[in-house]
């Protein structure tokens, strides 16, 4: 993403639950599941993490993630290592990550 446009924020760093979570919140009280236990924003981040990192759990020997260090000063994006608190985690704290 080249700009921090609100129209595609839900695909990289959600600010709220979005349409899917709103629908869940409206319909779940009428189902056997009841009210969601987690906030809509947390569920939106969980959905993005599953979307971008499902392959992470499937690697058998090696997982190669390729990206640019320039994302650390760029637009917050779950797919490029930003956590839901707005911290860029790929720069520190990951022992198996090697910056080349």
N, C-alpha and C. Protein backbone atom coordinates (compact mmCIF):
# COMPACT_ATOMS: atom_id res chain seq x y z
N UNK A 1 0.84 -1.17 0.00
CA UNK A 1 0.00 0.00 0.00
C UNK A 1 0.89 1.23 0.00
N UNK A 2 0.59 2.13 -0.88
CA UNK A 2 1.43 3.32 -1.00
C UNK A 2 0.91 4.49 -0.18
N UNK A 3 -0.38 4.49 0.10
CA UNK A 3 -0.96 5.57 0.89
C UNK A 3 -1.71 5.00 2.08
N UNK A 4 -1.95 5.84 3.05
CA UNK A 4 -2.66 5.44 4.26
C UNK A 4 -4.14 5.78 4.09
N UNK A 5 -4.74 5.27 3.03
CA UNK A 5 -6.13 5.60 2.70
C UNK A 5 -7.09 4.76 3.53
N UNK A 6 -8.15 5.40 4.01
CA UNK A 6 -9.11 4.72 4.88
C UNK A 6 -9.85 3.59 4.17
N UNK A 7 -9.97 3.66 2.86
CA UNK A 7 -10.74 2.65 2.13
C UNK A 7 -10.09 1.27 2.16
N UNK A 8 -8.77 1.19 2.30
CA UNK A 8 -8.12 -0.12 2.35
C UNK A 8 -7.49 -0.41 3.71
N UNK A 9 -7.81 0.40 4.71
CA UNK A 9 -7.23 0.18 6.05
C UNK A 9 -7.64 -1.17 6.62
N UNK A 10 -8.86 -1.62 6.34
CA UNK A 10 -9.32 -2.90 6.89
C UNK A 10 -8.50 -4.07 6.37
N UNK A 11 -7.79 -3.91 5.27
CA UNK A 11 -6.97 -4.99 4.71
C UNK A 11 -5.55 -5.01 5.28
N UNK A 12 -5.19 -3.98 6.06
CA UNK A 12 -3.82 -3.93 6.56
C UNK A 12 -3.74 -3.63 8.05
N UNK A 13 -4.55 -2.72 8.57
CA UNK A 13 -4.48 -2.35 9.99
C UNK A 13 -5.83 -1.76 10.39
N UNK A 14 -6.77 -2.61 10.80
CA UNK A 14 -8.14 -2.13 11.05
C UNK A 14 -8.21 -1.16 12.22
N UNK A 15 -9.13 -0.23 12.11
CA UNK A 15 -9.38 0.73 13.19
C UNK A 15 -10.65 0.39 13.96
N UNK A 16 -11.45 -0.47 13.37
CA UNK A 16 -12.66 -0.96 14.04
C UNK A 16 -12.95 -2.36 13.51
N UNK A 17 -14.02 -2.95 13.95
CA UNK A 17 -14.33 -4.31 13.55
C UNK A 17 -14.70 -4.47 12.09
N UNK A 18 -15.24 -3.44 11.50
CA UNK A 18 -15.63 -3.52 10.10
C UNK A 18 -16.98 -4.20 9.90
N UNK A 19 -17.35 -4.36 8.64
CA UNK A 19 -18.67 -4.89 8.29
C UNK A 19 -18.89 -6.31 8.80
N UNK A 20 -17.88 -7.15 8.69
CA UNK A 20 -18.03 -8.54 9.11
C UNK A 20 -18.30 -8.64 10.60
N UNK A 21 -17.52 -7.94 11.39
CA UNK A 21 -17.71 -7.99 12.84
C UNK A 21 -19.02 -7.32 13.26
N UNK A 22 -19.40 -6.26 12.56
CA UNK A 22 -20.69 -5.63 12.86
C UNK A 22 -21.83 -6.61 12.63
N UNK A 23 -21.75 -7.37 11.53
CA UNK A 23 -22.78 -8.35 11.24
C UNK A 23 -22.80 -9.45 12.30
N UNK A 24 -21.62 -9.90 12.71
CA UNK A 24 -21.55 -10.90 13.78
C UNK A 24 -22.20 -10.38 15.05
N UNK A 25 -21.88 -9.14 15.40
CA UNK A 25 -22.44 -8.55 16.62
C UNK A 25 -23.95 -8.44 16.57
N UNK A 26 -24.49 -8.17 15.39
CA UNK A 26 -25.94 -8.04 15.24
C UNK A 26 -26.66 -9.38 15.24
N UNK A 27 -26.04 -10.41 14.66
CA UNK A 27 -26.74 -11.69 14.49
C UNK A 27 -26.49 -12.71 15.58
N UNK A 28 -25.35 -12.68 16.22
CA UNK A 28 -25.01 -13.72 17.19
C UNK A 28 -25.93 -13.80 18.40
N UNK A 29 -26.51 -12.71 18.88
CA UNK A 29 -27.43 -12.85 20.01
C UNK A 29 -28.64 -13.74 19.69
N UNK A 30 -28.94 -13.90 18.41
CA UNK A 30 -30.08 -14.72 18.01
C UNK A 30 -29.68 -16.15 17.67
N UNK A 31 -28.42 -16.49 17.88
CA UNK A 31 -27.94 -17.84 17.60
C UNK A 31 -27.56 -18.52 18.92
N UNK A 32 -27.35 -19.84 18.89
CA UNK A 32 -26.92 -20.54 20.10
C UNK A 32 -25.55 -20.08 20.61
N UNK A 33 -24.77 -19.39 19.77
CA UNK A 33 -23.45 -18.93 20.17
C UNK A 33 -23.50 -17.78 21.17
N UNK A 34 -24.55 -16.98 21.13
CA UNK A 34 -24.65 -15.84 22.03
C UNK A 34 -23.72 -14.71 21.64
N UNK A 35 -23.56 -13.74 22.53
CA UNK A 35 -22.72 -12.58 22.26
C UNK A 35 -21.26 -12.98 22.13
N UNK A 36 -20.51 -12.35 21.21
CA UNK A 36 -19.07 -12.61 21.11
C UNK A 36 -18.36 -12.22 22.41
N UNK A 37 -17.37 -12.99 22.78
CA UNK A 37 -16.62 -12.72 24.01
C UNK A 37 -15.50 -11.70 23.80
N UNK A 38 -15.09 -11.51 22.56
CA UNK A 38 -13.97 -10.60 22.26
C UNK A 38 -14.48 -9.38 21.51
N UNK A 39 -13.76 -8.30 21.65
CA UNK A 39 -14.12 -7.06 20.97
C UNK A 39 -14.01 -7.21 19.46
N UNK A 40 -14.79 -6.42 18.75
CA UNK A 40 -14.79 -6.47 17.29
C UNK A 40 -13.41 -6.17 16.71
N UNK A 41 -12.70 -5.22 17.28
CA UNK A 41 -11.37 -4.87 16.78
C UNK A 41 -10.40 -6.04 16.94
N UNK A 42 -10.45 -6.73 18.06
CA UNK A 42 -9.59 -7.90 18.26
C UNK A 42 -9.92 -8.99 17.26
N UNK A 43 -11.19 -9.21 16.99
CA UNK A 43 -11.58 -10.23 16.00
C UNK A 43 -11.13 -9.84 14.61
N UNK A 44 -11.17 -8.54 14.28
CA UNK A 44 -10.71 -8.08 12.96
C UNK A 44 -9.20 -8.33 12.80
N UNK A 45 -8.42 -8.04 13.84
CA UNK A 45 -6.98 -8.32 13.78
C UNK A 45 -6.73 -9.82 13.67
N UNK A 46 -7.47 -10.62 14.41
CA UNK A 46 -7.32 -12.08 14.32
C UNK A 46 -7.59 -12.57 12.90
N UNK A 47 -8.62 -12.02 12.27
CA UNK A 47 -8.94 -12.42 10.89
C UNK A 47 -7.80 -12.07 9.94
N UNK A 48 -7.21 -10.89 10.10
CA UNK A 48 -6.09 -10.49 9.24
C UNK A 48 -4.88 -11.38 9.46
N UNK A 49 -4.59 -11.69 10.70
CA UNK A 49 -3.45 -12.55 10.99
C UNK A 49 -3.65 -13.92 10.36
N UNK A 50 -4.86 -14.46 10.46
CA UNK A 50 -5.14 -15.75 9.80
C UNK A 50 -5.01 -15.63 8.29
N UNK A 51 -5.46 -14.53 7.73
CA UNK A 51 -5.39 -14.32 6.28
C UNK A 51 -3.95 -14.29 5.79
N UNK A 52 -3.10 -13.52 6.46
CA UNK A 52 -1.73 -13.33 5.98
C UNK A 52 -0.75 -14.40 6.43
N UNK A 53 -1.01 -15.06 7.56
CA UNK A 53 0.00 -15.94 8.12
C UNK A 53 -0.42 -17.39 8.27
N UNK A 54 -1.44 -17.81 7.56
CA UNK A 54 -1.81 -19.22 7.63
C UNK A 54 -0.67 -20.10 7.15
N UNK A 55 0.04 -19.67 6.13
CA UNK A 55 1.17 -20.46 5.62
C UNK A 55 2.28 -20.58 6.66
N UNK A 56 2.35 -19.64 7.58
CA UNK A 56 3.38 -19.67 8.61
C UNK A 56 3.28 -20.95 9.44
N UNK A 57 2.08 -21.40 9.70
CA UNK A 57 1.91 -22.60 10.52
C UNK A 57 2.07 -23.88 9.71
N UNK A 58 2.15 -23.78 8.41
CA UNK A 58 2.24 -24.98 7.56
C UNK A 58 3.66 -25.32 7.12
N UNK A 59 4.60 -24.44 7.36
CA UNK A 59 5.97 -24.70 6.91
C UNK A 59 6.55 -25.91 7.65
N UNK A 60 7.19 -26.82 6.90
CA UNK A 60 7.75 -28.02 7.51
C UNK A 60 9.23 -27.85 7.86
N UNK A 61 9.98 -27.23 6.99
CA UNK A 61 11.42 -27.08 7.23
C UNK A 61 11.84 -25.62 7.30
N UNK A 62 11.44 -24.83 6.32
CA UNK A 62 11.89 -23.44 6.25
C UNK A 62 10.73 -22.58 5.77
N UNK A 63 10.61 -21.42 6.37
CA UNK A 63 9.65 -20.43 5.90
C UNK A 63 10.44 -19.17 5.56
N UNK A 64 10.36 -18.73 4.34
CA UNK A 64 11.10 -17.56 3.89
C UNK A 64 10.12 -16.42 3.68
N UNK A 65 10.25 -15.37 4.48
CA UNK A 65 9.44 -14.17 4.33
C UNK A 65 10.35 -13.09 3.77
N UNK A 66 9.95 -12.49 2.68
CA UNK A 66 10.78 -11.49 2.02
C UNK A 66 10.06 -10.16 2.07
N UNK A 67 10.77 -9.13 2.47
CA UNK A 67 10.18 -7.81 2.54
C UNK A 67 11.26 -6.75 2.60
N UNK A 68 10.85 -5.53 2.80
CA UNK A 68 11.77 -4.40 2.85
C UNK A 68 11.76 -3.78 4.24
N UNK A 69 12.93 -3.36 4.70
CA UNK A 69 13.01 -2.68 6.00
C UNK A 69 12.29 -1.34 5.99
N UNK A 70 12.03 -0.80 4.81
CA UNK A 70 11.37 0.50 4.73
C UNK A 70 9.96 0.48 5.32
N UNK A 71 9.38 -0.69 5.49
CA UNK A 71 8.02 -0.76 6.05
C UNK A 71 7.99 -0.34 7.51
N UNK A 72 9.11 -0.37 8.18
CA UNK A 72 9.11 -0.01 9.60
C UNK A 72 8.72 1.46 9.80
N UNK A 73 9.01 2.30 8.84
CA UNK A 73 8.65 3.72 8.94
C UNK A 73 7.46 4.07 8.07
N UNK A 74 6.83 3.06 7.53
CA UNK A 74 5.75 3.30 6.60
C UNK A 74 4.37 3.14 7.21
N UNK A 75 3.48 2.64 6.42
CA UNK A 75 2.09 2.49 6.80
C UNK A 75 1.94 1.21 7.63
N UNK A 76 1.27 1.30 8.76
CA UNK A 76 1.05 0.13 9.61
C UNK A 76 0.28 -0.93 8.84
N UNK A 77 0.79 -2.16 8.88
CA UNK A 77 0.20 -3.25 8.13
C UNK A 77 0.51 -4.55 8.85
N UNK A 78 -0.51 -5.31 9.19
CA UNK A 78 -0.32 -6.57 9.89
C UNK A 78 0.58 -7.50 9.08
N UNK A 79 0.45 -7.48 7.76
CA UNK A 79 1.22 -8.38 6.90
C UNK A 79 2.71 -8.07 6.90
N UNK A 80 3.09 -6.89 7.34
CA UNK A 80 4.51 -6.54 7.35
C UNK A 80 5.06 -6.41 8.77
N UNK A 81 4.43 -7.07 9.73
CA UNK A 81 5.00 -7.18 11.06
C UNK A 81 4.51 -6.21 12.11
N UNK A 82 3.47 -5.45 11.84
CA UNK A 82 2.93 -4.53 12.83
C UNK A 82 1.94 -5.29 13.72
N UNK A 83 2.00 -5.05 15.03
CA UNK A 83 1.03 -5.68 15.92
C UNK A 83 -0.16 -4.73 16.14
N UNK A 84 -1.16 -5.22 16.84
CA UNK A 84 -2.39 -4.44 17.01
C UNK A 84 -2.20 -3.21 17.89
N UNK A 85 -1.05 -3.09 18.57
CA UNK A 85 -0.76 -1.90 19.37
C UNK A 85 0.03 -0.86 18.59
N UNK A 86 0.29 -1.13 17.31
CA UNK A 86 1.02 -0.18 16.47
C UNK A 86 2.52 -0.28 16.58
N UNK A 87 3.04 -1.41 17.06
CA UNK A 87 4.49 -1.62 17.17
C UNK A 87 4.97 -2.50 16.03
N UNK A 88 6.14 -2.17 15.47
CA UNK A 88 6.72 -2.99 14.40
C UNK A 88 7.60 -4.04 15.05
N UNK A 89 7.17 -5.29 15.05
CA UNK A 89 7.81 -6.37 15.79
C UNK A 89 8.93 -7.07 15.04
N UNK A 90 9.04 -6.90 13.74
CA UNK A 90 10.04 -7.65 12.98
C UNK A 90 11.44 -7.12 13.20
N UNK A 91 11.58 -5.96 13.77
CA UNK A 91 12.90 -5.37 13.96
C UNK A 91 13.61 -5.86 15.20
N UNK A 92 12.84 -6.40 16.16
CA UNK A 92 13.43 -6.86 17.41
C UNK A 92 12.52 -7.91 18.04
N UNK A 93 13.11 -8.72 18.85
CA UNK A 93 12.31 -9.67 19.61
C UNK A 93 11.96 -10.97 18.89
N UNK A 94 12.42 -11.15 17.67
CA UNK A 94 12.15 -12.38 16.94
C UNK A 94 13.49 -13.07 16.68
N UNK A 95 13.79 -14.06 17.47
CA UNK A 95 15.10 -14.71 17.40
C UNK A 95 15.39 -15.40 16.08
N UNK A 96 14.36 -15.89 15.41
CA UNK A 96 14.56 -16.63 14.16
C UNK A 96 14.55 -15.73 12.93
N UNK A 97 14.41 -14.44 13.11
CA UNK A 97 14.36 -13.52 11.98
C UNK A 97 15.75 -12.95 11.72
N UNK A 98 16.18 -13.05 10.48
CA UNK A 98 17.50 -12.55 10.08
C UNK A 98 17.30 -11.45 9.05
N UNK A 99 17.79 -10.26 9.34
CA UNK A 99 17.74 -9.15 8.39
C UNK A 99 18.99 -9.20 7.52
N UNK A 100 18.80 -9.19 6.22
CA UNK A 100 19.93 -9.26 5.29
C UNK A 100 20.12 -7.89 4.64
